[in-house]
């Protein structure tokens, strides 16, 4: 009998945790939904731009910090808290790992 390991699902867990924390930090359901929107938007935006090897995570960090996060906070009516900073840093770490992984893939294919 073989044992299968279930992978994935952690993203949903982090999304739910972020929304729960958003509810307690902002005190409303709108705060929870706003944090969910911020989490999903930053994850999509940073991971897509992080596909650029080596500097993609830096480009996504600058664009997210200057444009995306203020636009989303203005749209949802929320304000910058430790939770927004934590989501931003978490997604930057994920983006850096994606950027390095893409670089390793390119190097392994080119120098095969």
PDB file of N, CA and C in Angstrom:
ATOM      1  N   UNK A   1       0.846  -1.174   0.000  1.00  0.00           N
ATOM      2  CA  UNK A   1       0.000   0.000   0.000  1.00  0.00           C
ATOM      3  C   UNK A   1       0.894   1.241   0.000  1.00  0.00           C
ATOM      4  N   UNK A   2       0.643   2.141  -0.894  1.00  0.00           N
ATOM      5  CA  UNK A   2       1.457   3.353  -0.975  1.00  0.00           C
ATOM      6  C   UNK A   2       0.777   4.486  -0.228  1.00  0.00           C
ATOM      7  N   UNK A   3       1.613   5.294   0.314  1.00  0.00           N
ATOM      8  CA  UNK A   3       1.110   6.445   1.060  1.00  0.00           C
ATOM      9  C   UNK A   3       1.260   7.687   0.190  1.00  0.00           C
ATOM     10  N   UNK A   4       0.201   8.434   0.041  1.00  0.00           N
ATOM     11  CA  UNK A   4       0.267   9.659  -0.753  1.00  0.00           C
ATOM     12  C   UNK A   4       0.267  10.851   0.183  1.00  0.00           C
ATOM     13  N   UNK A   5       1.078  11.813  -0.166  1.00  0.00           N
ATOM     14  CA  UNK A   5       1.133  13.033   0.621  1.00  0.00           C
ATOM     15  C   UNK A   5       0.298  14.101  -0.072  1.00  0.00           C
ATOM     16  N   UNK A   6      -0.483  14.771   0.704  1.00  0.00           N
ATOM     17  CA  UNK A   6      -1.304  15.851   0.178  1.00  0.00           C
ATOM     18  C   UNK A   6      -0.498  17.132   0.242  1.00  0.00           C
ATOM     19  N   UNK A   7      -0.346  17.774  -0.891  1.00  0.00           N
ATOM     20  CA  UNK A   7       0.370  19.045  -0.931  1.00  0.00           C
ATOM     21  C   UNK A   7      -0.600  20.143  -1.305  1.00  0.00           C
ATOM     22  N   UNK A   8      -0.217  21.357  -1.027  1.00  0.00           N
ATOM     23  CA  UNK A   8      -1.089  22.488  -1.336  1.00  0.00           C
ATOM     24  C   UNK A   8      -2.072  22.713  -0.209  1.00  0.00           C
ATOM     25  N   UNK A   9      -2.942  23.642  -0.403  1.00  0.00           N
ATOM     26  CA  UNK A   9      -3.938  23.949   0.609  1.00  0.00           C
ATOM     27  C   UNK A   9      -3.456  24.934   1.653  1.00  0.00           C
ATOM     28  N   UNK A  10      -2.152  25.183   1.704  1.00  0.00           N
ATOM     29  CA  UNK A  10      -1.638  26.136   2.684  1.00  0.00           C
ATOM     30  C   UNK A  10      -2.040  27.562   2.341  1.00  0.00           C
ATOM     31  N   UNK A  11      -2.183  27.847   1.065  1.00  0.00           N
ATOM     32  CA  UNK A  11      -2.598  29.180   0.647  1.00  0.00           C
ATOM     33  C   UNK A  11      -3.975  29.526   1.179  1.00  0.00           C
ATOM     34  N   UNK A  12      -4.886  28.555   1.120  1.00  0.00           N
ATOM     35  CA  UNK A  12      -6.227  28.769   1.651  1.00  0.00           C
ATOM     36  C   UNK A  12      -6.188  28.952   3.162  1.00  0.00           C
ATOM     37  N   UNK A  13      -5.342  28.194   3.824  1.00  0.00           N
ATOM     38  CA  UNK A  13      -5.193  28.334   5.270  1.00  0.00           C
ATOM     39  C   UNK A  13      -4.691  29.736   5.641  1.00  0.00           C
ATOM     40  N   UNK A  14      -3.679  30.221   4.911  1.00  0.00           N
ATOM     41  CA  UNK A  14      -3.165  31.558   5.178  1.00  0.00           C
ATOM     42  C   UNK A  14      -4.192  32.640   4.845  1.00  0.00           C
ATOM     43  N   UNK A  15      -4.977  32.419   3.801  1.00  0.00           N
ATOM     44  CA  UNK A  15      -6.032  33.376   3.449  1.00  0.00           C
ATOM     45  C   UNK A  15      -7.063  33.468   4.570  1.00  0.00           C
ATOM     46  N   UNK A  16      -7.499  32.330   5.075  1.00  0.00           N
ATOM     47  CA  UNK A  16      -8.485  32.323   6.164  1.00  0.00           C
ATOM     48  C   UNK A  16      -7.890  32.957   7.418  1.00  0.00           C
ATOM     49  N   UNK A  17      -6.635  32.637   7.732  1.00  0.00           N
ATOM     50  CA  UNK A  17      -5.975  33.233   8.895  1.00  0.00           C
ATOM     51  C   UNK A  17      -5.864  34.755   8.744  1.00  0.00           C
ATOM     52  N   UNK A  18      -5.517  35.206   7.546  1.00  0.00           N
ATOM     53  CA  UNK A  18      -5.418  36.646   7.296  1.00  0.00           C
ATOM     54  C   UNK A  18      -6.773  37.324   7.454  1.00  0.00           C
ATOM     55  N   UNK A  19      -7.812  36.687   6.962  1.00  0.00           N
ATOM     56  CA  UNK A  19      -9.148  37.277   7.089  1.00  0.00           C
ATOM     57  C   UNK A  19      -9.606  37.317   8.543  1.00  0.00           C
ATOM     58  N   UNK A  20      -9.298  36.276   9.301  1.00  0.00           N
ATOM     59  CA  UNK A  20      -9.655  36.277  10.724  1.00  0.00           C
ATOM     60  C   UNK A  20      -8.903  37.396  11.461  1.00  0.00           C
ATOM     61  N   UNK A  21      -7.601  37.506  11.183  1.00  0.00           N
ATOM     62  CA  UNK A  21      -6.825  38.588  11.804  1.00  0.00           C
ATOM     63  C   UNK A  21      -7.332  39.951  11.364  1.00  0.00           C
ATOM     64  N   UNK A  22      -7.725  40.071  10.084  1.00  0.00           N
ATOM     65  CA  UNK A  22      -8.282  41.327   9.588  1.00  0.00           C
ATOM     66  C   UNK A  22      -9.557  41.706  10.313  1.00  0.00           C
ATOM     67  N   UNK A  23     -10.372  40.712  10.637  1.00  0.00           N
ATOM     68  CA  UNK A  23     -11.589  40.994  11.390  1.00  0.00           C
ATOM     69  C   UNK A  23     -11.265  41.548  12.767  1.00  0.00           C
ATOM     70  N   UNK A  24     -10.277  40.968  13.442  1.00  0.00           N
ATOM     71  CA  UNK A  24      -9.960  41.426  14.794  1.00  0.00           C
ATOM     72  C   UNK A  24      -9.168  42.737  14.796  1.00  0.00           C
ATOM     73  N   UNK A  25      -8.343  42.959  13.780  1.00  0.00           N
ATOM     74  CA  UNK A  25      -7.567  44.204  13.734  1.00  0.00           C
ATOM     75  C   UNK A  25      -8.469  45.384  13.395  1.00  0.00           C
ATOM     76  N   UNK A  26      -9.329  45.213  12.386  1.00  0.00           N
ATOM     77  CA  UNK A  26     -10.179  46.322  11.946  1.00  0.00           C
ATOM     78  C   UNK A  26     -11.552  46.331  12.600  1.00  0.00           C
ATOM     79  N   UNK A  27     -11.973  45.215  13.174  1.00  0.00           N
ATOM     80  CA  UNK A  27     -13.206  45.164  13.943  1.00  0.00           C
ATOM     81  C   UNK A  27     -14.472  45.024  13.132  1.00  0.00           C
ATOM     82  N   UNK A  28     -14.357  44.799  11.825  1.00  0.00           N
ATOM     83  CA  UNK A  28     -15.551  44.662  10.996  1.00  0.00           C
ATOM     84  C   UNK A  28     -15.349  43.524   9.991  1.00  0.00           C
ATOM     85  N   UNK A  29     -16.467  43.093   9.427  1.00  0.00           N
ATOM     86  CA  UNK A  29     -16.397  42.093   8.368  1.00  0.00           C
ATOM     87  C   UNK A  29     -15.755  42.705   7.126  1.00  0.00           C
ATOM     88  N   UNK A  30     -15.962  43.997   6.917  1.00  0.00           N
ATOM     89  CA  UNK A  30     -15.329  44.684   5.787  1.00  0.00           C
ATOM     90  C   UNK A  30     -13.805  44.637   5.910  1.00  0.00           C
ATOM     91  N   UNK A  31     -13.297  44.707   7.117  1.00  0.00           N
ATOM     92  CA  UNK A  31     -11.860  44.583   7.339  1.00  0.00           C
ATOM     93  C   UNK A  31     -11.356  43.201   6.971  1.00  0.00           C
ATOM     94  N   UNK A  32     -12.135  42.187   7.311  1.00  0.00           N
ATOM     95  CA  UNK A  32     -11.755  40.815   6.965  1.00  0.00           C
ATOM     96  C   UNK A  32     -11.765  40.617   5.459  1.00  0.00           C
ATOM     97  N   UNK A  33     -12.803  41.108   4.804  1.00  0.00           N
ATOM     98  CA  UNK A  33     -12.881  40.968   3.349  1.00  0.00           C
ATOM     99  C   UNK A  33     -11.802  41.789   2.652  1.00  0.00           C
ATOM    100  N   UNK A  34     -11.507  42.959   3.187  1.00  0.00           N
ATOM    101  CA  UNK A  34     -10.435  43.790   2.623  1.00  0.00           C
ATOM    102  C   UNK A  34      -9.079  43.120   2.728  1.00  0.00           C
ATOM    103  N   UNK A  35      -8.821  42.458   3.849  1.00  0.00           N
ATOM    104  CA  UNK A  35      -7.556  41.742   3.998  1.00  0.00           C
ATOM    105  C   UNK A  35      -7.493  40.539   3.060  1.00  0.00           C
ATOM    106  N   UNK A  36      -8.613  39.893   2.844  1.00  0.00           N
ATOM    107  CA  UNK A  36      -8.654  38.802   1.878  1.00  0.00           C
ATOM    108  C   UNK A  36      -8.363  39.290   0.471  1.00  0.00           C
ATOM    109  N   UNK A  37      -8.944  40.431   0.108  1.00  0.00           N
ATOM    110  CA  UNK A  37      -8.686  41.020  -1.206  1.00  0.00           C
ATOM    111  C   UNK A  37      -7.224  41.425  -1.346  1.00  0.00           C
ATOM    112  N   UNK A  38      -6.666  42.015  -0.313  1.00  0.00           N
ATOM    113  CA  UNK A  38      -5.258  42.405  -0.337  1.00  0.00           C
ATOM    114  C   UNK A  38      -4.353  41.183  -0.461  1.00  0.00           C
ATOM    115  N   UNK A  39      -4.660  40.135   0.285  1.00  0.00           N
ATOM    116  CA  UNK A  39      -3.856  38.908   0.250  1.00  0.00           C
ATOM    117  C   UNK A  39      -3.851  38.303  -1.151  1.00  0.00           C
ATOM    118  N   UNK A  40      -5.028  38.145  -1.749  1.00  0.00           N
ATOM    119  CA  UNK A  40      -5.135  37.525  -3.068  1.00  0.00           C
ATOM    120  C   UNK A  40      -4.483  38.391  -4.140  1.00  0.00           C
ATOM    121  N   UNK A  41      -4.716  39.696  -4.102  1.00  0.00           N
ATOM    122  CA  UNK A  41      -4.153  40.588  -5.111  1.00  0.00           C
ATOM    123  C   UNK A  41      -2.636  40.627  -5.029  1.00  0.00           C
ATOM    124  N   UNK A  42      -2.094  40.747  -3.834  1.00  0.00           N
ATOM    125  CA  UNK A  42      -0.634  40.777  -3.699  1.00  0.00           C
ATOM    126  C   UNK A  42      -0.014  39.448  -4.095  1.00  0.00           C
ATOM    127  N   UNK A  43      -0.647  38.339  -3.727  1.00  0.00           N
ATOM    128  CA  UNK A  43      -0.102  37.037  -4.102  1.00  0.00           C
ATOM    129  C   UNK A  43      -0.036  36.910  -5.617  1.00  0.00           C
ATOM    130  N   UNK A  44      -1.110  37.249  -6.300  1.00  0.00           N
ATOM    131  CA  UNK A  44      -1.133  37.157  -7.763  1.00  0.00           C
ATOM    132  C   UNK A  44      -0.113  38.106  -8.391  1.00  0.00           C
ATOM    133  N   UNK A  45      -0.119  39.347  -7.951  1.00  0.00           N
ATOM    134  CA  UNK A  45       0.737  40.367  -8.558  1.00  0.00           C
ATOM    135  C   UNK A  45       2.215  40.086  -8.331  1.00  0.00           C
ATOM    136  N   UNK A  46       2.582  39.767  -7.101  1.00  0.00           N
ATOM    137  CA  UNK A  46       3.996  39.559  -6.779  1.00  0.00           C
ATOM    138  C   UNK A  46       4.518  38.272  -7.399  1.00  0.00           C
ATOM    139  N   UNK A  47       3.730  37.212  -7.400  1.00  0.00           N
ATOM    140  CA  UNK A  47       4.220  35.958  -7.977  1.00  0.00           C
ATOM    141  C   UNK A  47       4.372  36.083  -9.499  1.00  0.00           C
ATOM    142  N   UNK A  48       3.447  36.762 -10.163  1.00  0.00           N
ATOM    143  CA  UNK A  48       3.564  36.934 -11.620  1.00  0.00           C
ATOM    144  C   UNK A  48       4.809  37.750 -11.955  1.00  0.00           C
ATOM    145  N   UNK A  49       5.030  38.863 -11.278  1.00  0.00           N
ATOM    146  CA  UNK A  49       6.214  39.674 -11.572  1.00  0.00           C
ATOM    147  C   UNK A  49       7.506  39.004 -11.108  1.00  0.00           C
ATOM    148  N   UNK A  50       7.421  38.117 -10.146  1.00  0.00           N
ATOM    149  CA  UNK A  50       8.619  37.437  -9.654  1.00  0.00           C
ATOM    150  C   UNK A  50       9.123  36.382 -10.628  1.00  0.00           C
ATOM    151  N   UNK A  51       8.380  36.123 -11.675  1.00  0.00           N
ATOM    152  CA  UNK A  51       8.846  35.181 -12.691  1.00  0.00           C
ATOM    153  C   UNK A  51      10.007  35.765 -13.501  1.00  0.00           C
ATOM    154  N   UNK A  52      10.262  37.050 -13.357  1.00  0.00           N
ATOM    155  CA  UNK A  52      11.439  37.662 -13.962  1.00  0.00           C
ATOM    156  C   UNK A  52      12.624  37.264 -13.083  1.00  0.00           C
ATOM    157  N   UNK A  53      13.609  36.561 -13.659  1.00  0.00           N
ATOM    158  CA  UNK A  53      14.702  36.060 -12.822  1.00  0.00           C
ATOM    159  C   UNK A  53      15.490  37.177 -12.139  1.00  0.00           C
ATOM    160  N   UNK A  54      15.830  36.962 -10.913  1.00  0.00           N
ATOM    161  CA  UNK A  54      16.703  37.772 -10.077  1.00  0.00           C
ATOM    162  C   UNK A  54      16.124  39.111  -9.629  1.00  0.00           C
ATOM    163  N   UNK A  55      15.540  39.909 -10.508  1.00  0.00           N
ATOM    164  CA  UNK A  55      15.090  41.246 -10.111  1.00  0.00           C
ATOM    165  C   UNK A  55      13.575  41.384 -10.080  1.00  0.00           C
ATOM    166  N   UNK A  56      12.845  40.325 -10.433  1.00  0.00           N
ATOM    167  CA  UNK A  56      11.388  40.403 -10.473  1.00  0.00           C
ATOM    168  C   UNK A  56      10.778  40.710  -9.121  1.00  0.00           C
ATOM    169  N   UNK A  57      11.326  40.121  -8.070  1.00  0.00           N
ATOM    170  CA  UNK A  57      10.785  40.358  -6.729  1.00  0.00           C
ATOM    171  C   UNK A  57      10.999  41.811  -6.312  1.00  0.00           C
ATOM    172  N   UNK A  58      12.103  42.413  -6.740  1.00  0.00           N
ATOM    173  CA  UNK A  58      12.369  43.814  -6.400  1.00  0.00           C
ATOM    174  C   UNK A  58      11.431  44.748  -7.159  1.00  0.00           C
ATOM    175  N   UNK A  59      11.205  44.462  -8.428  1.00  0.00           N
ATOM    176  CA  UNK A  59      10.266  45.262  -9.223  1.00  0.00           C
ATOM    177  C   UNK A  59       8.867  45.168  -8.629  1.00  0.00           C
ATOM    178  N   UNK A  60       8.446  43.953  -8.272  1.00  0.00           N
ATOM    179  CA  UNK A  60       7.115  43.784  -7.695  1.00  0.00           C
ATOM    180  C   UNK A  60       7.008  44.450  -6.329  1.00  0.00           C
ATOM    181  N   UNK A  61       8.097  44.469  -5.561  1.00  0.00           N
ATOM    182  CA  UNK A  61       8.066  45.132  -4.251  1.00  0.00           C
ATOM    183  C   UNK A  61       7.848  46.625  -4.408  1.00  0.00           C
ATOM    184  N   UNK A  62       8.564  47.217  -5.337  1.00  0.00           N
ATOM    185  CA  UNK A  62       8.436  48.671  -5.543  1.00  0.00           C
ATOM    186  C   UNK A  62       7.053  49.025  -6.048  1.00  0.00           C
ATOM    187  N   UNK A  63       6.573  48.300  -7.059  1.00  0.00           N
ATOM    188  CA  UNK A  63       5.251  48.603  -7.622  1.00  0.00           C
ATOM    189  C   UNK A  63       4.157  48.344  -6.594  1.00  0.00           C
ATOM    190  N   UNK A  64       4.281  47.267  -5.820  1.00  0.00           N
ATOM    191  CA  UNK A  64       3.270  46.966  -4.803  1.00  0.00           C
ATOM    192  C   UNK A  64       3.236  48.037  -3.724  1.00  0.00           C
ATOM    193  N   UNK A  65       4.414  48.454  -3.267  1.00  0.00           N
ATOM    194  CA  UNK A  65       4.488  49.429  -2.177  1.00  0.00           C
ATOM    195  C   UNK A  65       3.997  50.808  -2.616  1.00  0.00           C
ATOM    196  N   UNK A  66       4.301  51.170  -3.853  1.00  0.00           N
ATOM    197  CA  UNK A  66       3.961  52.520  -4.321  1.00  0.00           C
ATOM    198  C   UNK A  66       2.541  52.602  -4.882  1.00  0.00           C
ATOM    199  N   UNK A  67       2.098  51.565  -5.601  1.00  0.00           N
ATOM    200  CA  UNK A  67       0.815  51.664  -6.295  1.00  0.00           C
ATOM    201  C   UNK A  67      -0.265  50.718  -5.784  1.00  0.00           C
ATOM    202  N   UNK A  68       0.036  49.434  -5.696  1.00  0.00           N
ATOM    203  CA  UNK A  68      -1.004  48.428  -5.462  1.00  0.00           C
ATOM    204  C   UNK A  68      -1.587  48.518  -4.055  1.00  0.00           C
ATOM    205  N   UNK A  69      -0.737  48.522  -3.041  1.00  0.00           N
ATOM    206  CA  UNK A  69      -1.247  48.550  -1.662  1.00  0.00           C
ATOM    207  C   UNK A  69      -2.011  49.845  -1.363  1.00  0.00           C
ATOM    208  N   UNK A  70      -1.476  51.031  -1.691  1.00  0.00           N
ATOM    209  CA  UNK A  70      -2.278  52.235  -1.435  1.00  0.00           C
ATOM    210  C   UNK A  70      -3.610  52.258  -2.192  1.00  0.00           C
ATOM    211  N   UNK A  71      -3.613  51.739  -3.435  1.00  0.00           N
ATOM    212  CA  UNK A  71      -4.854  51.707  -4.203  1.00  0.00           C
ATOM    213  C   UNK A  71      -5.877  50.785  -3.535  1.00  0.00           C
ATOM    214  N   UNK A  72      -5.443  49.608  -3.080  1.00  0.00           N
ATOM    215  CA  UNK A  72      -6.362  48.682  -2.420  1.00  0.00           C
ATOM    216  C   UNK A  72      -6.843  49.207  -1.075  1.00  0.00           C
ATOM    217  N   UNK A  73      -5.946  49.838  -0.323  1.00  0.00           N
ATOM    218  CA  UNK A  73      -6.368  50.396   0.965  1.00  0.00           C
ATOM    219  C   UNK A  73      -7.353  51.540   0.762  1.00  0.00           C
ATOM    220  N   UNK A  74      -7.136  52.340  -0.263  1.00  0.00           N
ATOM    221  CA  UNK A  74      -8.073  53.415  -0.576  1.00  0.00           C
ATOM    222  C   UNK A  74      -9.415  52.850  -1.034  1.00  0.00           C
ATOM    223  N   UNK A  75      -9.378  51.792  -1.833  1.00  0.00           N
ATOM    224  CA  UNK A  75     -10.598  51.163  -2.339  1.00  0.00           C
ATOM    225  C   UNK A  75     -11.425  50.550  -1.213  1.00  0.00           C
ATOM    226  N   UNK A  76     -10.761  49.889  -0.271  1.00  0.00           N
ATOM    227  CA  UNK A  76     -11.481  49.221   0.812  1.00  0.00           C
ATOM    228  C   UNK A  76     -11.760  50.136   2.004  1.00  0.00           C
ATOM    229  N   UNK A  77     -11.098  51.277   2.068  1.00  0.00           N
ATOM    230  CA  UNK A  77     -11.299  52.183   3.197  1.00  0.00           C
ATOM    231  C   UNK A  77     -10.530  51.778   4.441  1.00  0.00           C
ATOM    232  N   UNK A  78      -9.574  50.893   4.295  1.00  0.00           N
ATOM    233  CA  UNK A  78      -8.770  50.453   5.429  1.00  0.00           C
ATOM    234  C   UNK A  78      -7.513  51.303   5.527  1.00  0.00           C
ATOM    235  N   UNK A  79      -6.737  51.093   6.561  1.00  0.00           N
ATOM    236  CA  UNK A  79      -5.505  51.847   6.758  1.00  0.00           C
ATOM    237  C   UNK A  79      -4.358  50.871   6.995  1.00  0.00           C
ATOM    238  N   UNK A  80      -3.143  51.393   6.882  1.00  0.00           N
ATOM    239  CA  UNK A  80      -1.941  50.557   6.983  1.00  0.00           C
ATOM    240  C   UNK A  80      -1.726  50.154   8.436  1.00  0.00           C
ATOM    241  N   UNK A  81      -1.629  48.851   8.686  1.00  0.00           N
ATOM    242  CA  UNK A  81      -1.365  48.328  10.027  1.00  0.00           C
ATOM    243  C   UNK A  81      -0.248  47.293   9.947  1.00  0.00           C
ATOM    244  N   UNK A  82       0.061  46.680  11.076  1.00  0.00           N
ATOM    245  CA  UNK A  82       1.076  45.631  11.106  1.00  0.00           C
ATOM    246  C   UNK A  82       0.655  44.446  10.257  1.00  0.00           C
ATOM    247  N   UNK A  83      -0.641  44.236  10.102  1.00  0.00           N
ATOM    248  CA  UNK A  83      -1.120  43.113   9.301  1.00  0.00           C
ATOM    249  C   UNK A  83      -0.819  43.319   7.815  1.00  0.00           C
ATOM    250  N   UNK A  84      -0.990  44.529   7.334  1.00  0.00           N
ATOM    251  CA  UNK A  84      -0.661  44.845   5.936  1.00  0.00           C
ATOM    252  C   UNK A  84       0.839  44.681   5.715  1.00  0.00           C
ATOM    253  N   UNK A  85       1.644  45.155   6.662  1.00  0.00           N
ATOM    254  CA  UNK A  85       3.098  44.999   6.543  1.00  0.00           C
ATOM    255  C   UNK A  85       3.501  43.530   6.541  1.00  0.00           C
ATOM    256  N   UNK A  86       2.865  42.721   7.378  1.00  0.00           N
ATOM    257  CA  UNK A  86       3.175  41.303   7.443  1.00  0.00           C
ATOM    258  C   UNK A  86       2.816  40.603   6.137  1.00  0.00           C
ATOM    259  N   UNK A  87       1.657  40.912   5.577  1.00  0.00           N
ATOM    260  CA  UNK A  87       1.255  40.324   4.295  1.00  0.00           C
ATOM    261  C   UNK A  87       2.242  40.730   3.208  1.00  0.00           C
ATOM    262  N   UNK A  88       2.636  41.995   3.202  1.00  0.00           N
ATOM    263  CA  UNK A  88       3.576  42.489   2.193  1.00  0.00           C
ATOM    264  C   UNK A  88       4.914  41.761   2.289  1.00  0.00           C
ATOM    265  N   UNK A  89       5.460  41.639   3.480  1.00  0.00           N
ATOM    266  CA  UNK A  89       6.756  40.971   3.662  1.00  0.00           C
ATOM    267  C   UNK A  89       6.652  39.481   3.329  1.00  0.00           C
ATOM    268  N   UNK A  90       5.565  38.840   3.751  1.00  0.00           N
ATOM    269  CA  UNK A  90       5.368  37.426   3.447  1.00  0.00           C
ATOM    270  C   UNK A  90       5.349  37.183   1.940  1.00  0.00           C
ATOM    271  N   UNK A  91       4.626  38.029   1.220  1.00  0.00           N
ATOM    272  CA  UNK A  91       4.561  37.857  -0.227  1.00  0.00           C
ATOM    273  C   UNK A  91       5.884  38.202  -0.904  1.00  0.00           C
ATOM    274  N   UNK A  92       6.648  39.115  -0.332  1.00  0.00           N
ATOM    275  CA  UNK A  92       7.971  39.387  -0.899  1.00  0.00           C
ATOM    276  C   UNK A  92       8.913  38.193  -0.736  1.00  0.00           C
ATOM    277  N   UNK A  93       8.828  37.514   0.389  1.00  0.00           N
ATOM    278  CA  UNK A  93       9.646  36.324   0.596  1.00  0.00           C
ATOM    279  C   UNK A  93       9.255  35.238  -0.404  1.00  0.00           C
ATOM    280  N   UNK A  94       7.963  35.042  -0.601  1.00  0.00           N
ATOM    281  CA  UNK A  94       7.495  34.069  -1.590  1.00  0.00           C
ATOM    282  C   UNK A  94       7.955  34.478  -2.986  1.00  0.00           C
ATOM    283  N   UNK A  95       7.862  35.760  -3.305  1.00  0.00           N
ATOM    284  CA  UNK A  95       8.301  36.248  -4.607  1.00  0.00           C
ATOM    285  C   UNK A  95       9.790  36.050  -4.827  1.00  0.00           C
ATOM    286  N   UNK A  96      10.587  36.259  -3.791  1.00  0.00           N
ATOM    287  CA  UNK A  96      12.030  36.040  -3.902  1.00  0.00           C
ATOM    288  C   UNK A  96      12.326  34.571  -4.165  1.00  0.00           C
ATOM    289  N   UNK A  97      11.615  33.687  -3.467  1.00  0.00           N
ATOM    290  CA  UNK A  97      11.833  32.253  -3.686  1.00  0.00           C
ATOM    291  C   UNK A  97      11.435  31.840  -5.105  1.00  0.00           C
ATOM    292  N   UNK A  98      10.354  32.404  -5.624  1.00  0.00           N
ATOM    293  CA  UNK A  98       9.948  32.112  -7.004  1.00  0.00           C
ATOM    294  C   UNK A  98      10.989  32.621  -7.978  1.00  0.00           C
ATOM    295  N   UNK A  99      11.505  33.820  -7.742  1.00  0.00           N
ATOM    296  CA  UNK A  99      12.509  34.401  -8.627  1.00  0.00           C
ATOM    297  C   UNK A  99      13.784  33.570  -8.652  1.00  0.00           C
ATOM    298  N   UNK A 100      14.226  33.107  -7.506  1.00  0.00           N
ATOM    299  CA  UNK A 100      15.427  32.262  -7.439  1.00  0.00           C
ATOM    300  C   UNK A 100      15.168  30.909  -8.089  1.00  0.00           C
ATOM    301  N   UNK A 101      13.984  30.344  -7.891  1.00  0.00           N
ATOM    302  CA  UNK A 101      13.656  29.052  -8.507  1.00  0.00           C
ATOM    303  C   UNK A 101      13.637  29.164 -10.029  1.00  0.00           C
ATOM    304  N   UNK A 102      13.073  30.240 -10.550  1.00  0.00           N
ATOM    305  CA  UNK A 102      13.064  30.459 -12.000  1.00  0.00           C
ATOM    306  C   UNK A 102      14.486  30.611 -12.518  1.00  0.00           C
ATOM    307  N   UNK A 103      15.332  31.303 -11.762  1.00  0.00           N
ATOM    308  CA  UNK A 103      16.726  31.459 -12.167  1.00  0.00           C
ATOM    309  C   UNK A 103      17.429  30.098 -12.218  1.00  0.00           C
ATOM    310  N   UNK A 104      17.211  29.247 -11.214  1.00  0.00           N
ATOM    311  CA  UNK A 104      17.814  27.917 -11.212  1.00  0.00           C
ATOM    312  C   UNK A 104      17.319  27.074 -12.384  1.00  0.00           C
ATOM    313  N   UNK A 105      16.054  27.193 -12.708  1.00  0.00           N
ATOM    314  CA  UNK A 105      15.505  26.449 -13.844  1.00  0.00           C
ATOM    315  C   UNK A 105      16.148  26.911 -15.144  1.00  0.00           C
ATOM    316  N   UNK A 106      16.270  28.207 -15.325  1.00  0.00           N
ATOM    317  CA  UNK A 106      16.884  28.737 -16.543  1.00  0.00           C
ATOM    318  C   UNK A 106      18.345  28.315 -16.639  1.00  0.00           C
ATOM    319  N   UNK A 107      19.071  28.414 -15.538  1.00  0.00           N
ATOM    320  CA  UNK A 107      20.494  28.027 -15.551  1.00  0.00           C
ATOM    321  C   UNK A 107      20.648  26.535 -15.834  1.00  0.00           C
ATOM    322  N   UNK A 108      19.785  25.702 -15.264  1.00  0.00           N
ATOM    323  CA  UNK A 108      19.902  24.261 -15.498  1.00  0.00           C
ATOM    324  C   UNK A 108      19.556  23.891 -16.932  1.00  0.00           C
ATOM    325  N   UNK A 109      18.661  24.635 -17.558  1.00  0.00           N
ATOM    326  CA  UNK A 109      18.305  24.345 -18.950  1.00  0.00           C
ATOM    327  C   UNK A 109      19.407  24.862 -19.895  1.00  0.00           C
ATOM    328  N   UNK A 110      19.920  26.049 -19.652  1.00  0.00           N
ATOM    329  CA  UNK A 110      20.910  26.636 -20.540  1.00  0.00           C
ATOM    330  C   UNK A 110      22.243  25.897 -20.445  1.00  0.00           C
ATOM    331  N   UNK A 111      22.666  25.560 -19.243  1.00  0.00           N
ATOM    332  CA  UNK A 111      23.974  24.928 -19.042  1.00  0.00           C
ATOM    333  C   UNK A 111      23.856  23.416 -18.852  1.00  0.00           C
ATOM    334  N   UNK A 112      22.955  22.806 -19.547  1.00  0.00           N
ATOM    335  CA  UNK A 112      22.718  21.368 -19.416  1.00  0.00           C
ATOM    336  C   UNK A 112      23.821  20.552 -20.006  1.00  0.00           C
TER     337      UNK A 112
END
